[in-house]
Protein backbone atom coordinates (compact mmCIF):
# COMPACT_ATOMS: atom_id res chain seq x y z
CA MET A 1 24.61 14.23 0.17
CA ASP A 2 21.58 15.79 0.23
CA ILE A 3 18.61 13.60 0.36
CA VAL A 4 14.79 14.06 0.99
CA ILE A 5 12.50 11.38 1.52
CA ALA A 6 8.75 11.73 0.73
CA GLY A 7 6.59 9.89 3.33
CA GLY A 8 9.14 10.17 5.89
CA HIS A 9 8.02 8.81 8.85
CA GLY A 10 7.27 5.08 7.35
CA LYS A 11 8.85 2.11 8.54
CA ILE A 12 11.77 2.06 5.95
CA ALA A 13 11.88 6.04 5.19
CA LEU A 14 12.68 6.18 9.52
CA ARG A 15 15.53 3.41 8.84
CA LEU A 16 17.08 5.20 5.95
CA SER A 17 16.87 8.16 7.14
CA ARG A 18 18.66 6.96 10.49
CA LEU A 19 21.42 5.39 8.11
CA LEU A 20 21.68 8.36 5.86
CA ALA A 21 22.19 10.42 8.95
CA ALA A 22 24.76 8.18 10.96
CA ARG A 23 27.22 8.30 7.60
CA GLY A 24 27.07 12.26 7.45
CA ASP A 25 24.58 13.25 4.44
CA THR A 26 21.65 15.89 5.28
CA VAL A 27 18.28 14.58 5.38
CA ARG A 28 14.81 16.42 5.26
CA SER A 29 11.91 14.02 5.46
CA LEU A 30 8.57 15.44 4.46
CA VAL A 31 5.72 14.17 6.98
CA ARG A 32 2.09 15.48 7.05
CA ASN A 33 1.09 14.84 10.83
CA PRO A 34 3.18 17.17 13.34
CA GLY A 35 2.70 14.49 15.87
CA HIS A 36 5.65 12.46 13.99
CA GLU A 37 8.56 15.40 13.86
CA ALA A 38 10.14 14.13 16.94
CA GLY A 39 10.27 10.30 16.03
CA VAL A 40 12.04 12.09 12.29
CA ARG A 41 14.43 14.41 14.18
CA ASP A 42 15.40 11.26 16.55
CA THR A 43 16.95 9.57 13.45
CA GLY A 44 19.09 12.86 12.50
CA ALA A 45 16.93 13.89 10.27
CA GLU A 46 15.22 17.07 9.75
CA PRO A 47 11.31 16.89 9.71
CA VAL A 48 9.36 19.08 7.00
CA LEU A 49 5.30 19.45 7.13
CA CYS A 50 4.00 18.90 4.11
CA ASP A 51 0.94 17.18 3.32
CA LEU A 52 1.51 15.46 -0.74
CA GLU A 53 -2.73 14.74 -1.04
CA GLU A 54 -3.08 18.67 -0.43
CA ALA A 55 0.23 20.39 -1.45
CA ASP A 56 0.69 21.19 -5.14
CA ALA A 57 4.11 20.68 -7.15
CA GLY A 58 5.19 24.14 -6.32
CA GLU A 59 5.19 24.04 -2.68
CA VAL A 60 6.93 20.75 -2.97
CA ALA A 61 9.16 22.13 -5.40
CA GLY A 62 10.27 24.41 -2.35
CA HIS A 63 11.16 21.51 -0.39
CA LEU A 64 13.36 19.89 -2.55
CA ARG A 65 15.46 23.00 -3.86
CA GLY A 66 18.74 22.05 -3.25
CA ALA A 67 18.87 18.38 -2.67
CA ASP A 68 20.66 15.60 -4.48
CA ALA A 69 17.87 13.13 -4.87
CA VAL A 70 14.75 12.52 -3.54
CA VAL A 71 13.64 8.65 -2.48
CA PHE A 72 9.45 8.61 -2.59
CA ALA A 73 8.50 6.04 0.50
CA ALA A 74 5.28 7.45 1.06
CA GLY A 75 2.31 5.33 1.10
CA ALA A 76 -1.46 5.07 2.19
CA GLY A 77 -0.46 2.06 4.58
CA PRO A 78 -2.16 -0.74 5.76
CA GLY A 79 -6.37 0.32 6.87
CA SER A 80 -6.74 2.64 4.19
CA GLY A 81 -9.06 1.80 1.55
CA ALA A 82 -8.87 2.16 -2.59
CA ALA A 83 -9.43 5.69 -2.70
CA ARG A 84 -6.18 6.72 -0.71
CA LYS A 85 -4.29 3.91 -2.72
CA ASP A 86 -4.55 6.51 -5.62
CA THR A 87 -4.03 9.99 -4.11
CA VAL A 88 -1.07 8.56 -1.82
CA ASP A 89 0.37 5.29 -3.69
CA ARG A 90 -0.16 7.18 -7.16
CA GLY A 91 -1.55 10.80 -7.33
CA ALA A 92 1.67 11.38 -4.27
CA ALA A 93 4.37 9.85 -6.35
CA VAL A 94 3.43 11.53 -9.48
CA LEU A 95 3.59 14.72 -7.88
CA THR A 96 6.74 14.63 -5.82
CA ALA A 97 8.35 13.74 -9.54
CA ASP A 98 6.53 16.64 -10.69
CA ALA A 99 7.92 18.62 -7.69
CA ALA A 100 11.62 17.34 -8.71
CA GLU A 101 11.69 18.38 -11.97
CA ARG A 102 10.54 21.68 -11.26
CA ALA A 103 13.39 21.99 -8.58
CA GLY A 104 16.21 20.67 -10.70
CA VAL A 105 16.86 17.06 -8.77
CA ARG A 106 17.26 14.66 -11.04
CA GLY A 107 18.14 11.82 -8.79
CA PHE A 108 14.89 10.10 -8.14
CA VAL A 109 14.55 6.47 -6.24
CA GLN A 110 10.80 5.25 -5.72
CA ILE A 111 9.69 2.40 -3.55
CA SER A 112 7.12 0.30 -5.26
CA ALA A 113 5.99 -3.18 -4.82
CA MET A 114 6.25 -6.28 -6.51
CA GLY A 115 3.49 -6.85 -8.73
CA ALA A 116 2.69 -3.39 -9.73
CA GLY A 117 1.21 -2.96 -13.27
CA GLU A 118 0.26 -6.63 -13.63
CA ALA A 119 -3.17 -8.22 -12.72
CA PRO A 120 -3.85 -8.78 -9.10
CA ALA A 121 -4.23 -12.41 -8.26
CA ALA A 122 -8.50 -13.72 -7.96
CA GLY A 123 -9.67 -12.93 -4.32
CA ARG A 124 -6.91 -10.26 -3.23
CA GLY A 125 -10.23 -7.70 -3.25
CA GLU A 126 -10.75 -4.22 -4.45
CA VAL A 127 -8.09 -2.59 -2.22
CA TRP A 128 -5.27 -4.81 -3.36
CA GLU A 129 -6.15 -4.28 -6.90
CA ALA A 130 -6.62 -0.46 -6.11
CA TYR A 131 -2.42 -1.17 -4.37
CA ILE A 132 -0.76 -2.31 -7.72
CA ARG A 133 -2.83 -0.32 -10.23
CA ALA A 134 -1.79 2.71 -7.95
CA LYS A 135 1.85 1.51 -8.07
CA GLY A 136 1.80 0.69 -11.61
CA GLU A 137 0.49 3.60 -12.98
CA ALA A 138 2.91 5.45 -10.88
CA GLU A 139 5.64 3.47 -11.87
CA ASP A 140 4.62 4.27 -16.05
CA ASP A 141 4.72 8.20 -15.25
CA LEU A 142 8.49 7.90 -14.11
CA ARG A 143 9.45 5.86 -16.64
CA ARG A 144 8.38 8.49 -19.16
CA ARG A 145 10.44 11.58 -17.39
CA GLY A 146 13.24 12.33 -19.38
CA ALA A 147 14.69 14.61 -16.80
CA LEU A 148 14.59 12.81 -14.08
CA ASP A 149 17.15 9.81 -13.26
CA TRP A 150 14.59 7.68 -11.68
CA LEU A 151 15.27 4.19 -10.42
CA ILE A 152 12.17 1.86 -8.99
CA LEU A 153 12.98 -0.78 -6.26
CA ARG A 154 10.44 -3.15 -5.90
CA PRO A 155 10.62 -5.33 -2.51
CA GLY A 156 8.91 -8.47 -1.59
CA ARG A 157 6.88 -9.04 1.51
CA LEU A 158 8.13 -6.74 4.31
CA THR A 159 9.15 -7.63 7.28
CA ASP A 160 10.70 -6.37 10.66
CA ASP A 161 13.48 -9.11 11.19
CA PRO A 162 17.03 -8.55 11.53
CA PRO A 163 18.91 -7.34 8.75
CA THR A 164 20.69 -10.00 6.76
CA GLY A 165 23.01 -7.70 4.89
CA ARG A 166 22.55 -10.18 1.51
CA VAL A 167 20.04 -9.85 -0.86
CA ALA A 168 18.57 -10.73 -4.44
CA LEU A 169 18.61 -7.92 -6.69
CA ALA A 170 17.98 -7.77 -10.54
CA GLU A 171 15.41 -6.38 -12.78
CA PRO A 172 12.21 -8.11 -12.50
CA PRO A 173 10.85 -11.28 -12.52
CA ILE A 174 12.84 -13.14 -9.74
CA GLY A 175 9.99 -14.90 -7.78
CA TYR A 176 8.68 -13.69 -4.77
CA GLY A 177 9.97 -14.07 -1.04
CA ALA A 178 10.35 -11.79 1.99
CA VAL A 179 12.74 -8.59 2.68
CA THR A 180 13.67 -7.49 5.63
CA ARG A 181 12.80 -3.37 6.13
CA ASP A 182 16.52 -2.56 7.35
CA ASP A 183 17.74 -4.71 4.09
CA VAL A 184 15.71 -2.42 1.98
CA ALA A 185 17.12 0.88 3.28
CA ALA A 186 20.46 -0.42 3.34
CA VAL A 187 19.96 -1.21 -0.36
CA ILE A 188 18.64 1.96 -0.98
CA ALA A 189 21.39 4.12 0.77
CA ALA A 190 23.97 2.11 -1.53
CA LEU A 191 21.85 2.59 -4.81
CA LEU A 192 21.43 6.51 -3.91
CA ASP A 193 26.38 6.60 -4.03
CA ALA A 194 25.54 4.34 -7.27
CA GLY A 195 24.70 7.35 -9.47
CA ASP A 196 25.33 5.42 -13.02
CA VAL A 197 22.41 2.74 -11.66
CA ARG A 198 19.68 4.27 -13.27
CA ARG A 199 16.24 4.19 -15.13
CA ARG A 200 16.25 0.77 -13.82
CA THR A 201 13.20 -1.50 -12.26
CA LEU A 202 14.48 -3.83 -10.07
CA ASP A 203 13.46 -6.27 -7.70
CA LEU A 204 14.15 -6.93 -4.35
CA LEU A 205 14.43 -9.77 -1.69
CA ASN A 206 16.85 -11.60 0.74
CA GLY A 207 18.90 -13.67 -0.80
CA ASP A 208 23.00 -14.99 -0.96
CA THR A 209 24.35 -11.87 -2.05
CA ALA A 210 26.01 -8.93 0.10
CA ILE A 211 24.74 -5.90 -0.82
CA ALA A 212 27.35 -3.78 -2.04
CA ASP A 213 28.11 -6.50 -4.58
CA ALA A 214 24.44 -6.60 -5.90
CA VAL A 215 24.55 -2.89 -6.02
CA ALA A 216 28.41 -3.28 -8.01
CA ALA A 217 26.46 -6.25 -10.15
CA LEU A 218 24.48 -3.40 -11.53
CA ARG A 219 26.70 -0.49 -12.26
CA PRO A 220 27.64 -0.66 -15.97
CA ALA A 221 30.77 -2.67 -17.26
CA GLY A 222 34.39 -1.11 -16.28
CA ARG A 223 33.29 1.30 -13.77
């Protein structure tokens, strides 16, 4: 497969590009910082300079042409304010979806967050509220797109613990908990292969089911 990862220097994105490249896929990773190119290249992916807060849909579409699927893994990250939650977690997601439609790329996996679009718990602060709102609005935008075979993945609390290979993966709600970034990357790789699992919103935690079995359980009956 030929996969483009938007937000290619993120912690999940780097793990995903390493997995995909190791199995023989072509991976192009969009990054805005030239200083991140070497780290992306070390995973086996091709870095592509593109600032999703500055680019237009035509420019991004040029980077996506020929891909089988796009994975939107970009985020404003810790330490960013409410304004960048909107410009990255919502604005860049919408821009990338627009670009995918222009480029004729149907596959689109969006990494979101548990609780997206819901009223945030009291006391979490304006930045968290902006983050959850931005993720929810990005999800809503994607669900309205008939030209994309979209998939929304909502991991729980992310950790850098060693991968377990075992998850809980289902439409929300499934409760709250943690999931390793390595397991998130492995689930995305498996979902990219399961082209008949699309137009679904999925929560993801570490659990008791092997990743291959968890993805297989989502496929239509008879497949």
